[in-house]
Amino acid sequence: MSRIEWRQDHVAGVPLNRHVGFVGCIEVGSVAYDGSNRFWIWSTPLQEDAWGYGPTEQAARAALEFWLASWLENFRPFFQADGTPPA
């Protein structure tokens, strides 16, 4: 089960082929359908040049979640309870 809550994006009440992912109130990414290339693109506002794609919406969501978990791992020393970074 994903920790990301997905919400379908809308413009003027019309649903789009774009879904925005949130963890709590923080937007962590989105997946959107690219009709000209026929695949789903994921991106994140957390890092400007982080993006990718998948053949399906579920594949793009999974790729975003994998990237997010890997990226957040870099911050583990900061959040560790003893406050001392590993040597």
Protein backbone atom coordinates (compact mmCIF):
# COMPACT_ATOMS: atom_id res chain seq x y z
CA MET A 1 0.00 0.00 0.00
CA SER A 2 1.32 3.38 -0.97
CA ARG A 3 1.96 6.07 1.61
CA ILE A 4 1.13 8.64 -1.05
CA GLU A 5 -2.45 9.89 -1.35
CA TRP A 6 -3.27 10.48 -5.03
CA ARG A 7 -5.78 13.11 -6.17
CA GLN A 8 -6.93 13.59 -9.74
CA ASP A 9 -6.25 17.08 -11.04
CA HIS A 10 -9.11 19.18 -12.48
CA VAL A 11 -9.36 22.35 -14.53
CA ALA A 12 -12.69 24.19 -14.59
CA GLY A 13 -14.34 21.08 -13.18
CA VAL A 14 -12.98 18.84 -15.96
CA PRO A 15 -10.88 15.89 -14.74
CA LEU A 16 -7.42 15.64 -16.31
CA ASN A 17 -5.14 12.68 -16.99
CA ARG A 18 -2.91 14.02 -14.22
CA HIS A 19 -2.77 12.90 -10.63
CA VAL A 20 -1.01 14.76 -7.81
CA GLY A 21 0.48 12.84 -4.90
CA PHE A 22 0.52 14.10 -1.32
CA VAL A 23 2.01 12.87 1.93
CA GLY A 24 -0.03 14.72 4.50
CA CYS A 25 -0.37 18.25 3.16
CA ILE A 26 2.93 18.16 1.22
CA GLU A 27 2.87 17.65 -2.54
CA VAL A 28 5.53 15.05 -3.33
CA GLY A 29 4.93 14.46 -7.03
CA SER A 30 2.60 13.99 -9.94
CA VAL A 31 1.99 11.63 -12.82
CA ALA A 32 0.53 12.84 -16.10
CA TYR A 33 -0.31 11.13 -19.37
CA ASP A 34 1.70 12.19 -22.42
CA GLY A 35 -0.67 11.44 -25.28
CA SER A 36 1.81 12.12 -28.08
CA ASN A 37 4.28 9.53 -26.73
CA ARG A 38 1.67 7.34 -25.02
CA PHE A 39 3.31 6.97 -21.63
CA TRP A 40 2.94 8.39 -18.14
CA ILE A 41 5.49 10.92 -16.89
CA TRP A 42 6.25 11.35 -13.20
CA SER A 43 7.88 14.40 -11.68
CA THR A 44 8.38 15.93 -8.26
CA PRO A 45 8.56 19.49 -6.96
CA LEU A 46 11.13 18.32 -4.38
CA GLN A 47 13.97 18.25 -6.90
CA GLU A 48 13.87 20.19 -10.14
CA ASP A 49 15.52 17.65 -12.44
CA ALA A 50 13.92 14.47 -11.06
CA TRP A 51 11.46 12.89 -13.45
CA GLY A 52 10.84 9.66 -15.30
CA TYR A 53 8.18 7.71 -17.10
CA GLY A 54 6.30 4.44 -17.17
CA PRO A 55 4.11 2.57 -19.64
CA THR A 56 1.13 2.78 -17.27
CA GLU A 57 -0.09 5.13 -14.58
CA GLN A 58 0.65 2.51 -11.90
CA ALA A 59 4.21 2.03 -13.21
CA ALA A 60 4.86 5.78 -13.12
CA ARG A 61 3.47 6.01 -9.58
CA ALA A 62 5.67 3.11 -8.46
CA ALA A 63 8.75 4.71 -10.06
CA LEU A 64 8.04 8.00 -8.29
CA GLU A 65 7.59 6.23 -4.96
CA PHE A 66 10.85 4.29 -5.46
CA TRP A 67 12.72 7.51 -6.30
CA LEU A 68 11.19 9.31 -3.30
CA ALA A 69 12.18 6.56 -0.86
CA SER A 70 15.73 6.54 -2.25
CA TRP A 71 15.99 10.33 -2.12
CA LEU A 72 14.67 10.53 1.44
CA GLU A 73 17.23 7.93 2.55
CA ASN A 74 19.88 10.65 2.08
CA PHE A 75 18.31 12.55 4.98
CA ARG A 76 18.28 9.66 7.47
CA PRO A 77 21.35 10.88 9.43
CA PHE A 78 19.67 14.24 9.98
CA PHE A 79 16.59 12.64 11.53
CA GLN A 80 18.32 9.98 13.63
CA ALA A 81 17.51 10.19 17.32
CA ASP A 82 21.05 10.63 18.70
CA GLY A 83 21.74 13.55 16.38
CA THR A 84 25.25 12.45 15.46
CA PRO A 85 25.88 11.73 11.79
CA PRO A 86 27.55 8.43 10.94
CA ALA A 87 31.33 8.50 10.44
